[in-house]
Amino acid sequence: QVQLVESGGGLVQAGGSLRLSCAASGSMYRINVMGWYRQAPGKQRELVADITRGGSTNYVDPVKGRFTISRDNAKNTVYLQMNSLKPEDTAVYYCNMGTGIYVYWGRGTQVTVSS
């Protein structure tokens, strides 16, 4: 059974940084796209950033220039470096991995940015 486990969330002041990690365990076919989504209270879950197996990245406009997504294919792990955090970045962050056939989700990690 495949499991995705996120870590690295927490409470930080505005302007601070956090680094999220998500590691996949279990038997899975080769992962194509890895990504991070977030869901703020009362809002829909939204894509934050994703990265292909070849390293091509995609970011939503509000995080461009502040967040960096990276991955380690050998470890089936994806990272999200978040700098210059703002209160509006407060949300539960979810890891997502897709093999082209299956899509897996983590349980989420809370990120809270205080003003």
N, C-alpha and C. Protein backbone atom coordinates (compact mmCIF):
# COMPACT_ATOMS: atom_id res chain seq x y z
N GLN A 1 0.84 -1.18 0.00
CA GLN A 1 0.00 0.00 0.00
C GLN A 1 0.88 1.24 0.00
N VAL A 2 0.55 2.20 -0.84
CA VAL A 2 1.35 3.41 -0.96
C VAL A 2 0.92 4.43 0.09
N GLN A 3 1.90 5.04 0.73
CA GLN A 3 1.63 6.11 1.68
C GLN A 3 2.52 7.29 1.39
N LEU A 4 1.94 8.48 1.49
CA LEU A 4 2.70 9.71 1.38
C LEU A 4 2.68 10.38 2.75
N VAL A 5 3.84 10.73 3.23
CA VAL A 5 3.94 11.34 4.56
C VAL A 5 4.62 12.69 4.44
N GLU A 6 3.87 13.73 4.80
CA GLU A 6 4.41 15.09 4.77
C GLU A 6 5.03 15.44 6.12
N SER A 7 5.99 16.34 6.09
CA SER A 7 6.58 16.88 7.31
C SER A 7 7.10 18.28 7.02
N GLY A 8 7.36 19.02 8.10
CA GLY A 8 7.97 20.33 7.95
C GLY A 8 7.04 21.50 8.17
N GLY A 9 5.76 21.25 8.37
CA GLY A 9 4.84 22.35 8.62
C GLY A 9 5.05 22.93 10.01
N GLY A 10 4.34 24.02 10.29
CA GLY A 10 4.45 24.63 11.60
C GLY A 10 3.99 26.07 11.60
N LEU A 11 4.34 26.76 12.67
CA LEU A 11 3.98 28.16 12.85
C LEU A 11 5.22 29.02 12.61
N VAL A 12 5.06 30.05 11.79
CA VAL A 12 6.18 30.93 11.48
C VAL A 12 5.65 32.36 11.34
N GLN A 13 6.49 33.31 11.63
CA GLN A 13 6.12 34.72 11.45
C GLN A 13 6.20 35.11 9.99
N ALA A 14 5.44 36.11 9.63
CA ALA A 14 5.50 36.62 8.26
C ALA A 14 6.94 37.00 7.91
N GLY A 15 7.34 36.64 6.70
CA GLY A 15 8.70 36.86 6.27
C GLY A 15 9.63 35.70 6.51
N GLY A 16 9.16 34.73 7.28
CA GLY A 16 9.97 33.56 7.60
C GLY A 16 9.94 32.51 6.52
N SER A 17 10.58 31.38 6.82
CA SER A 17 10.71 30.29 5.86
C SER A 17 10.36 28.95 6.50
N LEU A 18 9.88 28.06 5.67
CA LEU A 18 9.65 26.67 6.05
C LEU A 18 10.01 25.79 4.87
N ARG A 19 10.39 24.55 5.16
CA ARG A 19 10.67 23.57 4.11
C ARG A 19 9.80 22.34 4.37
N LEU A 20 8.94 22.05 3.41
CA LEU A 20 8.09 20.88 3.50
C LEU A 20 8.75 19.71 2.76
N SER A 21 8.54 18.52 3.30
CA SER A 21 9.02 17.30 2.65
C SER A 21 7.87 16.32 2.56
N CYS A 22 7.91 15.50 1.54
CA CYS A 22 6.91 14.44 1.38
C CYS A 22 7.59 13.22 0.81
N ALA A 23 7.55 12.13 1.56
CA ALA A 23 8.18 10.89 1.13
C ALA A 23 7.13 9.83 0.88
N ALA A 24 7.29 9.12 -0.23
CA ALA A 24 6.38 8.04 -0.58
C ALA A 24 6.98 6.70 -0.17
N SER A 25 6.16 5.87 0.40
CA SER A 25 6.61 4.52 0.75
C SER A 25 5.64 3.50 0.17
N GLY A 26 6.13 2.28 -0.03
CA GLY A 26 5.28 1.26 -0.61
C GLY A 26 5.61 1.04 -2.06
N SER A 27 4.98 0.07 -2.64
CA SER A 27 5.26 -0.30 -4.02
C SER A 27 4.44 0.55 -4.97
N MET A 28 5.11 1.26 -5.86
CA MET A 28 4.40 2.05 -6.84
C MET A 28 5.19 2.08 -8.14
N TYR A 29 4.47 2.25 -9.21
CA TYR A 29 5.12 2.39 -10.50
C TYR A 29 5.81 3.74 -10.54
N ARG A 30 6.59 4.00 -11.55
CA ARG A 30 7.39 5.21 -11.62
C ARG A 30 6.50 6.46 -11.52
N ILE A 31 6.90 7.37 -10.64
CA ILE A 31 6.13 8.60 -10.41
C ILE A 31 6.46 9.61 -11.50
N ASN A 32 5.44 10.15 -12.13
CA ASN A 32 5.65 11.17 -13.15
C ASN A 32 5.66 12.57 -12.54
N VAL A 33 4.53 13.00 -12.05
CA VAL A 33 4.41 14.36 -11.53
C VAL A 33 4.27 14.31 -10.01
N MET A 34 4.99 15.19 -9.36
CA MET A 34 4.86 15.40 -7.91
C MET A 34 4.42 16.84 -7.70
N GLY A 35 3.58 17.05 -6.72
CA GLY A 35 3.10 18.41 -6.51
C GLY A 35 2.70 18.69 -5.08
N TRP A 36 2.49 19.97 -4.84
CA TRP A 36 1.98 20.44 -3.55
C TRP A 36 0.71 21.24 -3.80
N TYR A 37 -0.30 20.95 -3.00
CA TYR A 37 -1.56 21.67 -3.02
C TYR A 37 -1.77 22.25 -1.62
N ARG A 38 -2.67 23.22 -1.54
CA ARG A 38 -3.02 23.74 -0.23
C ARG A 38 -4.49 24.06 -0.15
N GLN A 39 -5.00 24.02 1.07
CA GLN A 39 -6.40 24.33 1.30
C GLN A 39 -6.52 25.19 2.54
N ALA A 40 -6.96 26.41 2.34
CA ALA A 40 -7.20 27.34 3.45
C ALA A 40 -8.63 27.14 3.94
N PRO A 41 -8.90 27.54 5.18
CA PRO A 41 -10.26 27.38 5.73
C PRO A 41 -11.31 28.06 4.85
N GLY A 42 -12.34 27.33 4.52
CA GLY A 42 -13.43 27.88 3.72
C GLY A 42 -13.13 28.01 2.24
N LYS A 43 -11.99 27.52 1.81
CA LYS A 43 -11.62 27.63 0.40
C LYS A 43 -11.39 26.24 -0.20
N GLN A 44 -11.38 26.19 -1.52
CA GLN A 44 -11.12 24.93 -2.21
C GLN A 44 -9.62 24.63 -2.21
N ARG A 45 -9.31 23.38 -2.33
CA ARG A 45 -7.92 22.98 -2.46
C ARG A 45 -7.38 23.48 -3.80
N GLU A 46 -6.17 24.05 -3.77
CA GLU A 46 -5.59 24.61 -4.98
C GLU A 46 -4.16 24.14 -5.17
N LEU A 47 -3.76 24.07 -6.41
CA LEU A 47 -2.38 23.72 -6.73
C LEU A 47 -1.45 24.85 -6.31
N VAL A 48 -0.33 24.49 -5.71
CA VAL A 48 0.70 25.47 -5.38
C VAL A 48 1.84 25.37 -6.39
N ALA A 49 2.34 24.16 -6.58
CA ALA A 49 3.45 23.94 -7.51
C ALA A 49 3.52 22.46 -7.84
N ASP A 50 4.05 22.17 -9.02
CA ASP A 50 4.31 20.78 -9.35
C ASP A 50 5.59 20.67 -10.17
N ILE A 51 6.08 19.44 -10.26
CA ILE A 51 7.35 19.20 -10.93
C ILE A 51 7.28 17.84 -11.62
N THR A 52 7.74 17.80 -12.87
CA THR A 52 7.75 16.55 -13.61
C THR A 52 8.98 15.73 -13.26
N ARG A 53 9.00 14.51 -13.73
CA ARG A 53 10.14 13.66 -13.47
C ARG A 53 11.42 14.24 -14.06
N GLY A 54 11.26 14.96 -15.16
CA GLY A 54 12.42 15.57 -15.80
C GLY A 54 12.86 16.88 -15.18
N GLY A 55 12.07 17.38 -14.24
CA GLY A 55 12.48 18.59 -13.52
C GLY A 55 11.78 19.87 -13.95
N SER A 56 10.84 19.78 -14.87
CA SER A 56 10.09 20.98 -15.26
C SER A 56 9.13 21.35 -14.14
N THR A 57 9.11 22.65 -13.83
CA THR A 57 8.30 23.11 -12.71
C THR A 57 7.20 24.06 -13.15
N ASN A 58 6.20 24.15 -12.31
CA ASN A 58 5.05 25.02 -12.54
C ASN A 58 4.62 25.58 -11.20
N TYR A 59 4.39 26.90 -11.15
CA TYR A 59 3.98 27.56 -9.91
C TYR A 59 2.75 28.42 -10.16
N VAL A 60 1.91 28.52 -9.16
CA VAL A 60 0.83 29.48 -9.25
C VAL A 60 1.41 30.87 -8.99
N ASP A 61 0.76 31.89 -9.55
CA ASP A 61 1.31 33.24 -9.49
C ASP A 61 1.61 33.73 -8.08
N PRO A 62 0.74 33.51 -7.10
CA PRO A 62 0.99 34.08 -5.76
C PRO A 62 2.27 33.59 -5.08
N VAL A 63 2.83 32.47 -5.53
CA VAL A 63 4.02 31.94 -4.86
C VAL A 63 5.27 32.05 -5.72
N LYS A 64 5.13 32.51 -6.94
CA LYS A 64 6.29 32.64 -7.82
C LYS A 64 7.33 33.57 -7.21
N GLY A 65 8.58 33.13 -7.25
CA GLY A 65 9.66 33.92 -6.69
C GLY A 65 9.86 33.72 -5.20
N ARG A 66 8.92 33.04 -4.54
CA ARG A 66 9.04 32.81 -3.10
C ARG A 66 9.18 31.33 -2.76
N PHE A 67 8.50 30.47 -3.50
CA PHE A 67 8.52 29.03 -3.24
C PHE A 67 9.34 28.33 -4.32
N THR A 68 9.99 27.24 -3.90
CA THR A 68 10.75 26.42 -4.83
C THR A 68 10.43 24.95 -4.59
N ILE A 69 10.00 24.26 -5.65
CA ILE A 69 9.72 22.84 -5.55
C ILE A 69 10.89 22.06 -6.13
N SER A 70 11.21 20.94 -5.50
CA SER A 70 12.28 20.08 -6.00
C SER A 70 11.92 18.63 -5.65
N ARG A 71 12.64 17.70 -6.25
CA ARG A 71 12.35 16.29 -6.00
C ARG A 71 13.60 15.45 -6.06
N ASP A 72 13.53 14.31 -5.40
CA ASP A 72 14.60 13.32 -5.44
C ASP A 72 13.95 12.03 -5.92
N ASN A 73 14.16 11.70 -7.18
CA ASN A 73 13.50 10.54 -7.77
C ASN A 73 13.93 9.24 -7.11
N ALA A 74 15.18 9.16 -6.71
CA ALA A 74 15.68 7.94 -6.09
C ALA A 74 15.00 7.67 -4.75
N LYS A 75 14.61 8.75 -4.09
CA LYS A 75 13.99 8.62 -2.77
C LYS A 75 12.47 8.78 -2.81
N ASN A 76 11.93 8.98 -4.01
CA ASN A 76 10.48 9.23 -4.13
C ASN A 76 10.04 10.31 -3.16
N THR A 77 10.77 11.41 -3.16
CA THR A 77 10.52 12.50 -2.22
C THR A 77 10.41 13.81 -2.97
N VAL A 78 9.50 14.65 -2.51
CA VAL A 78 9.34 15.99 -3.07
C VAL A 78 9.44 17.00 -1.94
N TYR A 79 10.00 18.15 -2.26
CA TYR A 79 10.22 19.21 -1.28
C TYR A 79 9.55 20.50 -1.75
N LEU A 80 9.24 21.35 -0.77
CA LEU A 80 8.75 22.69 -1.09
C LEU A 80 9.44 23.65 -0.14
N GLN A 81 10.34 24.44 -0.68
CA GLN A 81 11.00 25.48 0.10
C GLN A 81 10.16 26.74 0.00
N MET A 82 9.71 27.23 1.13
CA MET A 82 8.83 28.39 1.16
C MET A 82 9.54 29.53 1.89
N ASN A 83 9.80 30.60 1.16
CA ASN A 83 10.46 31.78 1.72
C ASN A 83 9.51 32.97 1.67
N SER A 84 9.85 33.99 2.43
CA SER A 84 9.05 35.22 2.46
C SER A 84 7.57 34.90 2.67
N LEU A 85 7.29 34.08 3.63
CA LEU A 85 5.92 33.63 3.86
C LEU A 85 5.02 34.78 4.28
N LYS A 86 3.77 34.69 3.85
CA LYS A 86 2.77 35.71 4.14
C LYS A 86 1.59 35.06 4.88
N PRO A 87 0.84 35.85 5.63
CA PRO A 87 -0.32 35.28 6.33
C PRO A 87 -1.28 34.56 5.39
N GLU A 88 -1.39 35.02 4.15
CA GLU A 88 -2.29 34.38 3.20
C GLU A 88 -1.78 33.02 2.72
N ASP A 89 -0.57 32.65 3.10
CA ASP A 89 -0.07 31.31 2.79
C ASP A 89 -0.55 30.28 3.81
N THR A 90 -1.22 30.74 4.86
CA THR A 90 -1.73 29.83 5.88
C THR A 90 -2.73 28.86 5.28
N ALA A 91 -2.47 27.58 5.48
CA ALA A 91 -3.31 26.52 4.91
C ALA A 91 -2.78 25.16 5.34
N VAL A 92 -3.56 24.15 5.03
CA VAL A 92 -3.05 22.78 5.11
C VAL A 92 -2.44 22.45 3.76
N TYR A 93 -1.21 22.01 3.76
CA TYR A 93 -0.50 21.70 2.53
C TYR A 93 -0.49 20.18 2.32
N TYR A 94 -0.87 19.78 1.11
CA TYR A 94 -0.98 18.37 0.76
C TYR A 94 0.00 18.02 -0.34
N CYS A 95 0.61 16.89 -0.17
CA CYS A 95 1.50 16.34 -1.17
C CYS A 95 0.69 15.47 -2.13
N ASN A 96 1.07 15.48 -3.40
CA ASN A 96 0.37 14.73 -4.43
C ASN A 96 1.39 14.10 -5.37
N MET A 97 1.18 12.83 -5.69
CA MET A 97 2.06 12.15 -6.64
C MET A 97 1.23 11.34 -7.62
N GLY A 98 1.61 11.40 -8.88
CA GLY A 98 0.87 10.67 -9.89
C GLY A 98 1.78 9.81 -10.76
N THR A 99 1.27 8.62 -11.08
CA THR A 99 2.05 7.71 -11.91
C THR A 99 1.55 7.68 -13.34
N GLY A 100 0.50 8.41 -13.62
CA GLY A 100 -0.14 8.35 -14.92
C GLY A 100 -1.35 7.44 -14.90
N ILE A 101 -1.38 6.55 -13.92
CA ILE A 101 -2.53 5.66 -13.74
C ILE A 101 -3.18 5.93 -12.39
N TYR A 102 -2.35 6.05 -11.38
CA TYR A 102 -2.85 6.30 -10.03
C TYR A 102 -2.39 7.67 -9.53
N VAL A 103 -3.20 8.23 -8.63
CA VAL A 103 -2.87 9.49 -7.97
C VAL A 103 -2.92 9.25 -6.47
N TYR A 104 -1.90 9.72 -5.78
CA TYR A 104 -1.80 9.52 -4.34
C TYR A 104 -1.76 10.87 -3.63
N TRP A 105 -2.36 10.89 -2.46
CA TRP A 105 -2.38 12.11 -1.64
C TRP A 105 -1.84 11.82 -0.26
N GLY A 106 -1.15 12.81 0.30
CA GLY A 106 -0.78 12.75 1.70
C GLY A 106 -1.92 13.26 2.57
N ARG A 107 -1.73 13.19 3.87
CA ARG A 107 -2.79 13.61 4.79
C ARG A 107 -2.73 15.10 5.09
N GLY A 108 -1.66 15.74 4.73
CA GLY A 108 -1.57 17.18 4.91
C GLY A 108 -0.73 17.58 6.11
N THR A 109 -0.15 18.76 6.01
CA THR A 109 0.60 19.35 7.11
C THR A 109 0.21 20.82 7.22
N GLN A 110 -0.02 21.26 8.44
CA GLN A 110 -0.51 22.63 8.66
C GLN A 110 0.64 23.62 8.60
N VAL A 111 0.42 24.68 7.85
CA VAL A 111 1.34 25.82 7.81
C VAL A 111 0.56 27.04 8.26
N THR A 112 1.05 27.69 9.31
CA THR A 112 0.40 28.88 9.84
C THR A 112 1.41 30.02 9.87
N VAL A 113 1.06 31.12 9.22
CA VAL A 113 1.93 32.29 9.15
C VAL A 113 1.26 33.42 9.91
N SER A 114 1.91 33.88 10.95
CA SER A 114 1.36 34.96 11.77
C SER A 114 1.86 36.31 11.27
N SER A 115 1.02 37.30 11.43
CA SER A 115 1.37 38.64 10.96
C SER A 115 2.11 39.44 12.03
